[in-house]
N, C-alpha and C. Protein backbone atom coordinates (compact mmCIF):
# COMPACT_ATOMS: atom_id res chain seq x y z
N UNK A 1 -17.80 -6.76 1.10
CA UNK A 1 -16.70 -6.71 2.02
C UNK A 1 -16.44 -5.29 2.50
N UNK A 2 -16.61 -4.34 1.65
CA UNK A 2 -16.36 -2.95 2.03
C UNK A 2 -17.31 -2.50 3.13
N UNK A 3 -18.52 -3.04 3.13
CA UNK A 3 -19.52 -2.67 4.13
C UNK A 3 -19.01 -3.01 5.53
N UNK A 4 -18.47 -4.19 5.70
CA UNK A 4 -17.97 -4.60 7.01
C UNK A 4 -16.76 -3.77 7.42
N UNK A 5 -15.83 -3.59 6.49
CA UNK A 5 -14.62 -2.83 6.80
C UNK A 5 -14.94 -1.39 7.15
N UNK A 6 -15.91 -0.81 6.48
CA UNK A 6 -16.25 0.59 6.73
C UNK A 6 -16.83 0.81 8.12
N UNK A 7 -17.43 -0.21 8.70
CA UNK A 7 -18.10 -0.05 9.99
C UNK A 7 -17.31 -0.57 11.18
N UNK A 8 -16.16 -1.17 10.96
CA UNK A 8 -15.39 -1.71 12.09
C UNK A 8 -15.00 -0.60 13.06
N UNK A 9 -14.50 0.49 12.56
CA UNK A 9 -14.02 1.56 13.44
C UNK A 9 -15.17 2.29 14.13
N UNK A 10 -16.26 2.51 13.42
CA UNK A 10 -17.35 3.32 13.98
C UNK A 10 -18.31 2.52 14.88
N UNK A 11 -18.16 1.21 14.93
CA UNK A 11 -19.04 0.39 15.77
C UNK A 11 -18.53 0.42 17.21
N UNK A 12 -19.37 0.83 18.17
CA UNK A 12 -18.89 0.94 19.54
C UNK A 12 -18.76 -0.40 20.28
N UNK A 13 -19.53 -1.40 19.92
CA UNK A 13 -19.52 -2.68 20.63
C UNK A 13 -18.31 -3.52 20.21
N UNK A 14 -17.54 -3.93 21.18
CA UNK A 14 -16.30 -4.68 20.90
C UNK A 14 -16.59 -6.03 20.24
N UNK A 15 -17.59 -6.75 20.72
CA UNK A 15 -17.92 -8.06 20.14
C UNK A 15 -18.33 -7.94 18.68
N UNK A 16 -19.03 -6.88 18.36
CA UNK A 16 -19.46 -6.67 16.97
C UNK A 16 -18.25 -6.33 16.10
N UNK A 17 -17.30 -5.57 16.65
CA UNK A 17 -16.08 -5.28 15.91
C UNK A 17 -15.34 -6.57 15.55
N UNK A 18 -15.25 -7.47 16.51
CA UNK A 18 -14.58 -8.76 16.27
C UNK A 18 -15.34 -9.56 15.22
N UNK A 19 -16.67 -9.57 15.30
CA UNK A 19 -17.48 -10.27 14.32
C UNK A 19 -17.28 -9.69 12.92
N UNK A 20 -17.30 -8.38 12.81
CA UNK A 20 -17.11 -7.74 11.50
C UNK A 20 -15.73 -8.06 10.92
N UNK A 21 -14.73 -8.07 11.78
CA UNK A 21 -13.38 -8.40 11.31
C UNK A 21 -13.31 -9.85 10.82
N UNK A 22 -13.94 -10.76 11.56
CA UNK A 22 -13.94 -12.17 11.14
C UNK A 22 -14.69 -12.35 9.82
N UNK A 23 -15.84 -11.70 9.69
CA UNK A 23 -16.60 -11.78 8.45
C UNK A 23 -15.81 -11.19 7.29
N UNK A 24 -15.10 -10.11 7.56
CA UNK A 24 -14.26 -9.48 6.53
C UNK A 24 -13.19 -10.46 6.07
N UNK A 25 -12.55 -11.14 7.01
CA UNK A 25 -11.51 -12.10 6.66
C UNK A 25 -12.08 -13.26 5.84
N UNK A 26 -13.19 -13.83 6.29
CA UNK A 26 -13.79 -14.96 5.58
C UNK A 26 -14.24 -14.57 4.18
N UNK A 27 -14.85 -13.39 4.04
CA UNK A 27 -15.28 -12.93 2.73
C UNK A 27 -14.09 -12.68 1.80
N UNK A 28 -13.00 -12.20 2.35
CA UNK A 28 -11.83 -11.97 1.52
C UNK A 28 -11.25 -13.29 1.02
N UNK A 29 -11.33 -14.33 1.82
CA UNK A 29 -10.88 -15.65 1.38
C UNK A 29 -11.72 -16.16 0.22
N UNK A 30 -13.04 -16.02 0.33
CA UNK A 30 -13.93 -16.45 -0.76
C UNK A 30 -13.69 -15.63 -2.02
N UNK A 31 -13.53 -14.33 -1.86
CA UNK A 31 -13.31 -13.46 -3.01
C UNK A 31 -11.99 -13.80 -3.70
N UNK A 32 -10.98 -14.15 -2.93
CA UNK A 32 -9.69 -14.54 -3.51
C UNK A 32 -9.81 -15.81 -4.34
N UNK A 33 -10.63 -16.75 -3.87
CA UNK A 33 -10.83 -17.99 -4.62
C UNK A 33 -11.55 -17.71 -5.94
N UNK A 34 -12.54 -16.84 -5.91
CA UNK A 34 -13.22 -16.46 -7.15
C UNK A 34 -12.27 -15.70 -8.08
N UNK A 35 -11.48 -14.81 -7.52
CA UNK A 35 -10.56 -14.01 -8.32
C UNK A 35 -9.55 -14.90 -9.05
N UNK A 36 -9.14 -15.98 -8.41
CA UNK A 36 -8.20 -16.91 -9.03
C UNK A 36 -8.81 -17.61 -10.24
N UNK A 37 -10.12 -17.73 -10.27
CA UNK A 37 -10.79 -18.40 -11.39
C UNK A 37 -11.12 -17.46 -12.55
N UNK A 38 -10.98 -16.18 -12.39
CA UNK A 38 -11.35 -15.23 -13.44
C UNK A 38 -10.65 -15.50 -14.77
N UNK A 39 -9.34 -15.73 -14.79
CA UNK A 39 -8.71 -16.00 -16.08
C UNK A 39 -9.25 -17.28 -16.75
N UNK A 40 -9.56 -18.29 -15.96
CA UNK A 40 -10.11 -19.52 -16.50
C UNK A 40 -11.48 -19.30 -17.13
N UNK A 41 -12.24 -18.38 -16.55
CA UNK A 41 -13.59 -18.10 -17.04
C UNK A 41 -13.60 -17.04 -18.14
N UNK A 42 -12.42 -16.51 -18.45
CA UNK A 42 -12.27 -15.47 -19.48
C UNK A 42 -13.13 -14.23 -19.19
N UNK A 43 -13.08 -13.82 -17.94
CA UNK A 43 -13.80 -12.62 -17.52
C UNK A 43 -12.76 -11.54 -17.21
N UNK A 44 -12.91 -10.38 -17.78
CA UNK A 44 -11.95 -9.31 -17.54
C UNK A 44 -12.11 -8.79 -16.11
N UNK A 45 -11.01 -8.26 -15.59
CA UNK A 45 -11.05 -7.72 -14.23
C UNK A 45 -11.99 -6.53 -14.14
N UNK A 46 -12.04 -5.74 -15.20
CA UNK A 46 -12.92 -4.56 -15.19
C UNK A 46 -14.37 -5.00 -15.04
N UNK A 47 -14.77 -6.01 -15.81
CA UNK A 47 -16.15 -6.50 -15.73
C UNK A 47 -16.42 -7.16 -14.38
N UNK A 48 -15.44 -7.86 -13.86
CA UNK A 48 -15.63 -8.60 -12.61
C UNK A 48 -15.83 -7.66 -11.42
N UNK A 49 -15.23 -6.49 -11.45
CA UNK A 49 -15.32 -5.58 -10.31
C UNK A 49 -16.44 -4.56 -10.43
N UNK A 50 -17.21 -4.64 -11.50
CA UNK A 50 -18.37 -3.75 -11.65
C UNK A 50 -19.60 -4.40 -11.06
N UNK A 51 -20.52 -3.59 -10.61
CA UNK A 51 -21.80 -4.12 -10.13
C UNK A 51 -22.59 -4.64 -11.33
N UNK A 52 -23.13 -5.86 -11.23
CA UNK A 52 -23.85 -6.42 -12.36
C UNK A 52 -25.20 -5.75 -12.62
N UNK A 53 -25.69 -5.02 -11.63
CA UNK A 53 -27.01 -4.41 -11.75
C UNK A 53 -27.01 -3.09 -10.99
N UNK A 54 -27.62 -2.07 -11.56
CA UNK A 54 -27.66 -0.76 -10.91
C UNK A 54 -28.45 -0.80 -9.60
N UNK A 55 -29.52 -1.59 -9.56
CA UNK A 55 -30.31 -1.70 -8.34
C UNK A 55 -29.50 -2.34 -7.22
N UNK A 56 -28.69 -3.33 -7.57
CA UNK A 56 -27.83 -3.96 -6.58
C UNK A 56 -26.82 -2.98 -6.02
N UNK A 57 -26.28 -2.15 -6.88
CA UNK A 57 -25.33 -1.12 -6.43
C UNK A 57 -26.00 -0.16 -5.45
N UNK A 58 -27.23 0.21 -5.70
CA UNK A 58 -27.96 1.11 -4.80
C UNK A 58 -28.17 0.46 -3.44
N UNK A 59 -28.51 -0.82 -3.42
CA UNK A 59 -28.71 -1.53 -2.15
C UNK A 59 -27.43 -1.54 -1.33
N UNK A 60 -26.30 -1.84 -1.98
CA UNK A 60 -25.03 -1.86 -1.26
C UNK A 60 -24.64 -0.46 -0.78
N UNK A 61 -24.90 0.54 -1.60
CA UNK A 61 -24.60 1.92 -1.18
C UNK A 61 -25.44 2.31 0.04
N UNK A 62 -26.69 1.92 0.07
CA UNK A 62 -27.55 2.23 1.22
C UNK A 62 -27.08 1.51 2.47
N UNK A 63 -26.55 0.31 2.31
CA UNK A 63 -26.03 -0.44 3.46
C UNK A 63 -24.88 0.26 4.14
N UNK A 64 -24.15 1.07 3.40
CA UNK A 64 -23.01 1.80 3.97
C UNK A 64 -23.47 2.85 4.98
N UNK A 65 -24.72 3.26 4.89
CA UNK A 65 -25.22 4.33 5.76
C UNK A 65 -26.12 3.81 6.86
N UNK A 66 -25.80 2.64 7.40
CA UNK A 66 -26.58 2.10 8.51
C UNK A 66 -26.51 3.07 9.69
N UNK A 67 -27.65 3.33 10.29
CA UNK A 67 -27.73 4.32 11.36
C UNK A 67 -27.08 3.85 12.66
N UNK A 68 -27.18 2.56 12.94
CA UNK A 68 -26.61 2.03 14.19
C UNK A 68 -26.21 0.58 13.97
N UNK A 69 -25.71 -0.03 15.04
CA UNK A 69 -25.22 -1.40 14.96
C UNK A 69 -26.33 -2.40 14.64
N UNK A 70 -27.49 -2.20 15.21
CA UNK A 70 -28.61 -3.11 14.96
C UNK A 70 -28.99 -3.08 13.48
N UNK A 71 -29.07 -1.91 12.91
CA UNK A 71 -29.41 -1.78 11.49
C UNK A 71 -28.33 -2.41 10.61
N UNK A 72 -27.08 -2.23 10.97
CA UNK A 72 -25.97 -2.81 10.22
C UNK A 72 -26.04 -4.34 10.26
N UNK A 73 -26.19 -4.90 11.45
CA UNK A 73 -26.24 -6.36 11.57
C UNK A 73 -27.47 -6.94 10.90
N UNK A 74 -28.59 -6.26 10.99
CA UNK A 74 -29.81 -6.74 10.33
C UNK A 74 -29.60 -6.77 8.82
N UNK A 75 -28.98 -5.75 8.29
CA UNK A 75 -28.70 -5.72 6.85
C UNK A 75 -27.75 -6.82 6.43
N UNK A 76 -26.72 -7.05 7.24
CA UNK A 76 -25.76 -8.11 6.91
C UNK A 76 -26.39 -9.49 6.98
N UNK A 77 -27.10 -9.75 8.08
CA UNK A 77 -27.64 -11.10 8.32
C UNK A 77 -28.88 -11.40 7.50
N UNK A 78 -29.74 -10.41 7.31
CA UNK A 78 -31.01 -10.65 6.63
C UNK A 78 -30.98 -10.36 5.13
N UNK A 79 -30.04 -9.52 4.67
CA UNK A 79 -30.04 -9.12 3.26
C UNK A 79 -28.77 -9.57 2.54
N UNK A 80 -27.63 -9.07 2.98
CA UNK A 80 -26.40 -9.25 2.21
C UNK A 80 -25.86 -10.68 2.25
N UNK A 81 -25.74 -11.26 3.42
CA UNK A 81 -25.18 -12.62 3.51
C UNK A 81 -26.06 -13.66 2.81
N UNK A 82 -27.39 -13.64 2.99
CA UNK A 82 -28.22 -14.60 2.24
C UNK A 82 -28.12 -14.41 0.72
N UNK A 83 -28.03 -13.17 0.28
CA UNK A 83 -27.91 -12.91 -1.16
C UNK A 83 -26.57 -13.40 -1.69
N UNK A 84 -25.53 -13.23 -0.90
CA UNK A 84 -24.21 -13.70 -1.29
C UNK A 84 -24.17 -15.23 -1.36
N UNK A 85 -24.76 -15.87 -0.37
CA UNK A 85 -24.83 -17.33 -0.36
C UNK A 85 -25.60 -17.85 -1.57
N UNK A 86 -26.71 -17.20 -1.89
CA UNK A 86 -27.50 -17.60 -3.06
C UNK A 86 -26.70 -17.44 -4.34
N UNK A 87 -25.95 -16.37 -4.46
CA UNK A 87 -25.12 -16.15 -5.65
C UNK A 87 -24.04 -17.21 -5.76
N UNK A 88 -23.41 -17.57 -4.64
CA UNK A 88 -22.40 -18.63 -4.66
C UNK A 88 -23.02 -19.96 -5.08
N UNK A 89 -24.20 -20.26 -4.56
CA UNK A 89 -24.86 -21.52 -4.90
C UNK A 89 -25.28 -21.56 -6.37
N UNK A 90 -25.75 -20.44 -6.90
CA UNK A 90 -26.09 -20.37 -8.33
C UNK A 90 -24.86 -20.60 -9.18
N UNK A 91 -23.76 -20.00 -8.78
CA UNK A 91 -22.50 -20.18 -9.51
C UNK A 91 -22.07 -21.65 -9.48
N UNK A 92 -22.16 -22.25 -8.30
CA UNK A 92 -21.75 -23.65 -8.17
C UNK A 92 -22.63 -24.58 -9.01
N UNK A 93 -23.89 -24.28 -9.11
CA UNK A 93 -24.80 -25.11 -9.90
C UNK A 93 -24.52 -24.99 -11.39
N UNK A 94 -24.06 -23.84 -11.85
CA UNK A 94 -23.83 -23.62 -13.27
C UNK A 94 -22.44 -24.02 -13.74
N UNK A 95 -21.48 -24.06 -12.83
CA UNK A 95 -20.09 -24.28 -13.24
C UNK A 95 -19.76 -25.76 -13.35
N UNK A 96 -18.64 -26.03 -13.97
CA UNK A 96 -18.17 -27.40 -14.12
C UNK A 96 -17.73 -27.94 -12.77
N UNK A 97 -18.11 -29.17 -12.43
CA UNK A 97 -17.77 -29.71 -11.11
C UNK A 97 -16.26 -29.80 -10.86
N UNK A 98 -15.47 -30.12 -11.88
CA UNK A 98 -14.03 -30.27 -11.64
C UNK A 98 -13.34 -28.94 -11.41
N UNK A 99 -13.93 -27.86 -11.86
CA UNK A 99 -13.37 -26.54 -11.66
C UNK A 99 -13.98 -25.79 -10.49
N UNK A 100 -14.85 -26.44 -9.78
CA UNK A 100 -15.63 -25.75 -8.77
C UNK A 100 -15.15 -26.09 -7.36
N UNK A 101 -14.69 -25.11 -6.65
CA UNK A 101 -14.21 -25.31 -5.29
C UNK A 101 -15.32 -25.23 -4.26
N UNK A 102 -16.55 -24.88 -4.69
CA UNK A 102 -17.67 -24.73 -3.75
C UNK A 102 -18.40 -26.02 -3.45
N UNK A 103 -18.22 -27.02 -4.29
CA UNK A 103 -18.98 -28.26 -4.09
C UNK A 103 -18.24 -29.23 -3.21
């Protein structure tokens, strides 16, 4: 989510700004739903907000330095969004159906 928010102001194309804002809103809704389940899953907030893998943290950090709008959108559409969708689907497959809002 921070990736989209960080680039809203610096992106010159108005349509892309609107897209980034919409994606930011939708991602915040999904994150809020996951955050609501943290106490049920007995996961501490500290652990939940840390990167699970150092390599993943490096990829996200590199995404913050997109050179232009094309590079930013390519990273979002080809790398970050598919990875996020895959993570949500893995979570949904492993979790209990009655507690799962993704199914």
